[in-house]
N, C-alpha and C. Protein backbone atom coordinates (compact mmCIF):
# COMPACT_ATOMS: atom_id res chain seq x y z
N UNK A 1 9.42 4.39 15.89
CA UNK A 1 8.48 4.87 14.90
C UNK A 1 8.83 6.29 14.48
N UNK A 2 8.43 6.63 13.28
CA UNK A 2 8.60 7.99 12.75
C UNK A 2 10.06 8.45 12.76
N UNK A 3 10.94 7.70 12.11
CA UNK A 3 12.37 8.05 12.18
C UNK A 3 12.70 9.43 11.61
N UNK A 4 12.05 9.84 10.54
CA UNK A 4 12.35 11.16 9.98
C UNK A 4 11.89 12.25 10.94
N UNK A 5 10.69 12.09 11.46
CA UNK A 5 10.15 13.08 12.41
C UNK A 5 11.05 13.24 13.62
N UNK A 6 11.65 12.14 14.07
CA UNK A 6 12.49 12.18 15.27
C UNK A 6 13.98 12.33 14.96
N UNK A 7 14.30 12.55 13.71
CA UNK A 7 15.70 12.77 13.33
C UNK A 7 16.56 11.53 13.42
N UNK A 8 15.95 10.35 13.36
CA UNK A 8 16.70 9.09 13.45
C UNK A 8 17.14 8.67 12.05
N UNK A 9 18.21 9.29 11.58
CA UNK A 9 18.70 9.06 10.22
C UNK A 9 19.09 7.60 9.97
N UNK A 10 19.79 6.93 10.89
CA UNK A 10 20.13 5.53 10.63
C UNK A 10 18.89 4.63 10.43
N UNK A 11 17.87 4.82 11.24
CA UNK A 11 16.66 4.00 11.10
C UNK A 11 15.94 4.36 9.81
N UNK A 12 15.92 5.62 9.47
CA UNK A 12 15.32 6.06 8.21
C UNK A 12 16.02 5.40 7.02
N UNK A 13 17.33 5.33 7.07
CA UNK A 13 18.10 4.68 6.01
C UNK A 13 17.79 3.18 5.93
N UNK A 14 17.62 2.55 7.10
CA UNK A 14 17.28 1.12 7.13
C UNK A 14 15.93 0.88 6.45
N UNK A 15 14.95 1.70 6.77
CA UNK A 15 13.63 1.56 6.14
C UNK A 15 13.74 1.73 4.63
N UNK A 16 14.48 2.73 4.21
CA UNK A 16 14.65 2.99 2.78
C UNK A 16 15.30 1.78 2.10
N UNK A 17 16.31 1.24 2.72
CA UNK A 17 17.01 0.08 2.18
C UNK A 17 16.06 -1.11 2.03
N UNK A 18 15.25 -1.35 3.05
CA UNK A 18 14.30 -2.46 3.00
C UNK A 18 13.29 -2.24 1.89
N UNK A 19 12.72 -1.06 1.82
CA UNK A 19 11.68 -0.78 0.83
C UNK A 19 12.19 -0.83 -0.60
N UNK A 20 13.43 -0.44 -0.81
CA UNK A 20 13.94 -0.38 -2.17
C UNK A 20 14.74 -1.60 -2.61
N UNK A 21 15.25 -2.40 -1.65
CA UNK A 21 16.16 -3.47 -2.04
C UNK A 21 15.87 -4.84 -1.45
N UNK A 22 14.80 -5.01 -0.71
CA UNK A 22 14.51 -6.31 -0.11
C UNK A 22 14.08 -7.31 -1.17
N UNK A 23 14.59 -8.52 -1.07
CA UNK A 23 14.17 -9.58 -2.00
C UNK A 23 12.69 -9.85 -1.79
N UNK A 24 11.98 -10.02 -2.89
CA UNK A 24 10.56 -10.33 -2.81
C UNK A 24 9.66 -9.13 -2.60
N UNK A 25 10.23 -7.95 -2.51
CA UNK A 25 9.44 -6.74 -2.32
C UNK A 25 9.70 -5.82 -3.50
N UNK A 26 8.64 -5.47 -4.18
CA UNK A 26 8.78 -4.60 -5.36
C UNK A 26 8.11 -3.25 -5.08
N UNK A 27 8.70 -2.21 -5.59
CA UNK A 27 8.08 -0.90 -5.54
C UNK A 27 7.64 -0.53 -6.95
N UNK A 28 6.66 0.34 -7.03
CA UNK A 28 6.13 0.74 -8.33
C UNK A 28 5.98 2.25 -8.37
N UNK A 29 6.30 2.81 -9.52
CA UNK A 29 6.06 4.24 -9.70
C UNK A 29 4.57 4.45 -9.90
N UNK A 30 4.09 5.60 -9.47
CA UNK A 30 2.67 5.91 -9.64
C UNK A 30 2.45 6.37 -11.07
N UNK A 31 1.79 5.54 -11.84
CA UNK A 31 1.50 5.82 -13.24
C UNK A 31 0.17 6.56 -13.36
N UNK A 32 -0.13 7.00 -14.56
CA UNK A 32 -1.43 7.63 -14.81
C UNK A 32 -2.55 6.64 -14.51
N UNK A 33 -2.38 5.39 -14.94
CA UNK A 33 -3.41 4.37 -14.71
C UNK A 33 -3.64 4.14 -13.22
N UNK A 34 -2.56 4.09 -12.43
CA UNK A 34 -2.69 3.92 -10.99
C UNK A 34 -3.37 5.13 -10.38
N UNK A 35 -2.99 6.32 -10.80
CA UNK A 35 -3.59 7.55 -10.28
C UNK A 35 -5.09 7.60 -10.54
N UNK A 36 -5.47 7.25 -11.77
CA UNK A 36 -6.89 7.28 -12.12
C UNK A 36 -7.68 6.23 -11.35
N UNK A 37 -7.10 5.06 -11.21
CA UNK A 37 -7.79 4.00 -10.46
C UNK A 37 -7.89 4.38 -8.99
N UNK A 38 -6.85 5.00 -8.45
CA UNK A 38 -6.87 5.45 -7.06
C UNK A 38 -7.95 6.50 -6.85
N UNK A 39 -8.11 7.42 -7.80
CA UNK A 39 -9.14 8.44 -7.70
C UNK A 39 -10.53 7.80 -7.67
N UNK A 40 -10.72 6.78 -8.49
CA UNK A 40 -12.01 6.08 -8.51
C UNK A 40 -12.24 5.35 -7.19
N UNK A 41 -11.20 4.69 -6.67
CA UNK A 41 -11.32 3.99 -5.38
C UNK A 41 -11.62 4.97 -4.25
N UNK A 42 -10.96 6.14 -4.28
CA UNK A 42 -11.24 7.17 -3.25
C UNK A 42 -12.69 7.58 -3.29
N UNK A 43 -13.21 7.78 -4.48
CA UNK A 43 -14.59 8.21 -4.63
C UNK A 43 -15.57 7.10 -4.22
N UNK A 44 -15.28 5.88 -4.64
CA UNK A 44 -16.20 4.77 -4.37
C UNK A 44 -16.21 4.33 -2.91
N UNK A 45 -15.06 4.43 -2.24
CA UNK A 45 -14.93 3.88 -0.89
C UNK A 45 -14.55 4.90 0.18
N UNK A 46 -14.47 6.18 -0.18
CA UNK A 46 -14.09 7.24 0.75
C UNK A 46 -12.76 6.90 1.44
N UNK A 47 -11.76 6.55 0.63
CA UNK A 47 -10.44 6.17 1.14
C UNK A 47 -9.53 7.38 1.25
N UNK A 48 -8.54 7.26 2.12
CA UNK A 48 -7.45 8.25 2.15
C UNK A 48 -6.58 7.98 0.93
N UNK A 49 -5.91 9.02 0.46
CA UNK A 49 -5.09 8.90 -0.75
C UNK A 49 -4.05 7.78 -0.65
N UNK A 50 -3.27 7.68 0.43
CA UNK A 50 -2.27 6.59 0.48
C UNK A 50 -2.90 5.19 0.36
N UNK A 51 -4.04 5.00 1.01
CA UNK A 51 -4.72 3.70 0.92
C UNK A 51 -5.19 3.43 -0.50
N UNK A 52 -5.78 4.44 -1.12
CA UNK A 52 -6.27 4.29 -2.49
C UNK A 52 -5.12 3.99 -3.45
N UNK A 53 -4.00 4.66 -3.26
CA UNK A 53 -2.84 4.41 -4.12
C UNK A 53 -2.31 2.99 -3.96
N UNK A 54 -2.26 2.51 -2.74
CA UNK A 54 -1.77 1.14 -2.51
C UNK A 54 -2.70 0.11 -3.13
N UNK A 55 -4.00 0.26 -2.93
CA UNK A 55 -4.95 -0.68 -3.52
C UNK A 55 -4.93 -0.60 -5.04
N UNK A 56 -4.88 0.61 -5.58
CA UNK A 56 -4.83 0.78 -7.03
C UNK A 56 -3.57 0.15 -7.61
N UNK A 57 -2.45 0.32 -6.93
CA UNK A 57 -1.20 -0.28 -7.40
C UNK A 57 -1.31 -1.79 -7.42
N UNK A 58 -1.87 -2.35 -6.37
CA UNK A 58 -2.05 -3.81 -6.33
C UNK A 58 -2.94 -4.28 -7.47
N UNK A 59 -4.04 -3.59 -7.70
CA UNK A 59 -4.95 -3.98 -8.78
C UNK A 59 -4.28 -3.84 -10.15
N UNK A 60 -3.59 -2.75 -10.37
CA UNK A 60 -2.94 -2.53 -11.66
C UNK A 60 -1.82 -3.54 -11.90
N UNK A 61 -1.21 -4.04 -10.83
CA UNK A 61 -0.14 -5.03 -10.95
C UNK A 61 -0.69 -6.45 -11.13
N UNK A 62 -2.00 -6.59 -11.02
CA UNK A 62 -2.60 -7.90 -11.19
C UNK A 62 -2.69 -8.73 -9.93
N UNK A 63 -2.47 -8.10 -8.78
CA UNK A 63 -2.57 -8.83 -7.52
C UNK A 63 -4.02 -9.27 -7.29
N UNK A 64 -4.19 -10.38 -6.63
CA UNK A 64 -5.52 -10.86 -6.28
C UNK A 64 -5.76 -10.78 -4.78
N UNK A 65 -4.67 -10.61 -4.02
CA UNK A 65 -4.75 -10.54 -2.56
C UNK A 65 -3.90 -9.38 -2.07
N UNK A 66 -4.40 -8.68 -1.06
CA UNK A 66 -3.71 -7.53 -0.46
C UNK A 66 -3.63 -7.77 1.03
N UNK A 67 -2.43 -7.83 1.58
CA UNK A 67 -2.20 -8.10 3.00
C UNK A 67 -1.98 -6.78 3.73
N UNK A 68 -2.68 -6.58 4.85
CA UNK A 68 -2.62 -5.30 5.55
C UNK A 68 -2.84 -5.49 7.05
N UNK A 69 -2.58 -4.42 7.80
CA UNK A 69 -2.94 -4.37 9.21
C UNK A 69 -4.16 -3.50 9.42
N UNK A 70 -4.70 -2.94 8.34
CA UNK A 70 -5.82 -2.00 8.41
C UNK A 70 -7.14 -2.74 8.23
N UNK A 71 -7.85 -2.97 9.32
CA UNK A 71 -9.11 -3.71 9.29
C UNK A 71 -10.23 -2.95 8.61
N UNK A 72 -10.02 -1.68 8.31
CA UNK A 72 -11.07 -0.87 7.70
C UNK A 72 -10.98 -0.79 6.18
N UNK A 73 -9.95 -1.35 5.59
CA UNK A 73 -9.83 -1.29 4.14
C UNK A 73 -10.89 -2.17 3.48
N UNK A 74 -11.52 -1.65 2.43
CA UNK A 74 -12.50 -2.47 1.72
C UNK A 74 -11.81 -3.45 0.78
N UNK A 75 -12.57 -4.39 0.29
CA UNK A 75 -12.08 -5.32 -0.74
C UNK A 75 -12.76 -4.95 -2.06
N UNK A 76 -12.09 -4.15 -2.88
CA UNK A 76 -12.71 -3.81 -4.16
C UNK A 76 -12.78 -5.05 -5.05
N UNK A 77 -13.67 -5.04 -6.03
CA UNK A 77 -13.79 -6.20 -6.93
C UNK A 77 -12.43 -6.60 -7.50
N UNK A 78 -12.15 -7.89 -7.42
CA UNK A 78 -10.90 -8.41 -7.96
C UNK A 78 -9.75 -8.43 -6.98
N UNK A 79 -9.96 -7.93 -5.77
CA UNK A 79 -8.87 -7.89 -4.79
C UNK A 79 -9.39 -8.32 -3.42
N UNK A 80 -8.85 -9.40 -2.93
CA UNK A 80 -9.20 -9.90 -1.59
C UNK A 80 -8.28 -9.23 -0.58
N UNK A 81 -8.83 -8.51 0.38
CA UNK A 81 -8.04 -7.84 1.40
C UNK A 81 -8.00 -8.72 2.64
N UNK A 82 -6.79 -9.11 3.05
CA UNK A 82 -6.60 -9.94 4.24
C UNK A 82 -5.96 -9.08 5.34
N UNK A 83 -6.53 -9.16 6.54
CA UNK A 83 -6.03 -8.42 7.69
C UNK A 83 -5.21 -9.38 8.55
N UNK A 84 -3.97 -9.01 8.81
CA UNK A 84 -3.05 -9.90 9.54
C UNK A 84 -3.64 -10.39 10.86
N UNK A 85 -4.21 -9.49 11.65
CA UNK A 85 -4.75 -9.88 12.96
C UNK A 85 -5.84 -10.93 12.84
N UNK A 86 -6.56 -10.93 11.74
CA UNK A 86 -7.65 -11.89 11.55
C UNK A 86 -7.16 -13.25 11.08
N UNK A 87 -5.91 -13.32 10.66
CA UNK A 87 -5.36 -14.58 10.18
C UNK A 87 -4.84 -15.45 11.31
N UNK A 88 -4.52 -14.84 12.43
CA UNK A 88 -3.94 -15.58 13.56
C UNK A 88 -4.97 -16.34 14.34
């Protein structure tokens, strides 16, 4: 865990490669629309910025389901939040 913090450059590169080039995984730039929606989600649900940005990105991309390990994330209207541990 925490490859940059621990100076593990090879592992850091592996993570970057997965996030930017894995089949079936898309990244999105933070647009004005995503930023504004994230700000609203932060205000409505008292979310941390990274969580709000991820949920806003999913909503702006038209996702209907959001898969996470965070059992505390809310399900804003239009987005069903599924927690991995609860699926097993």
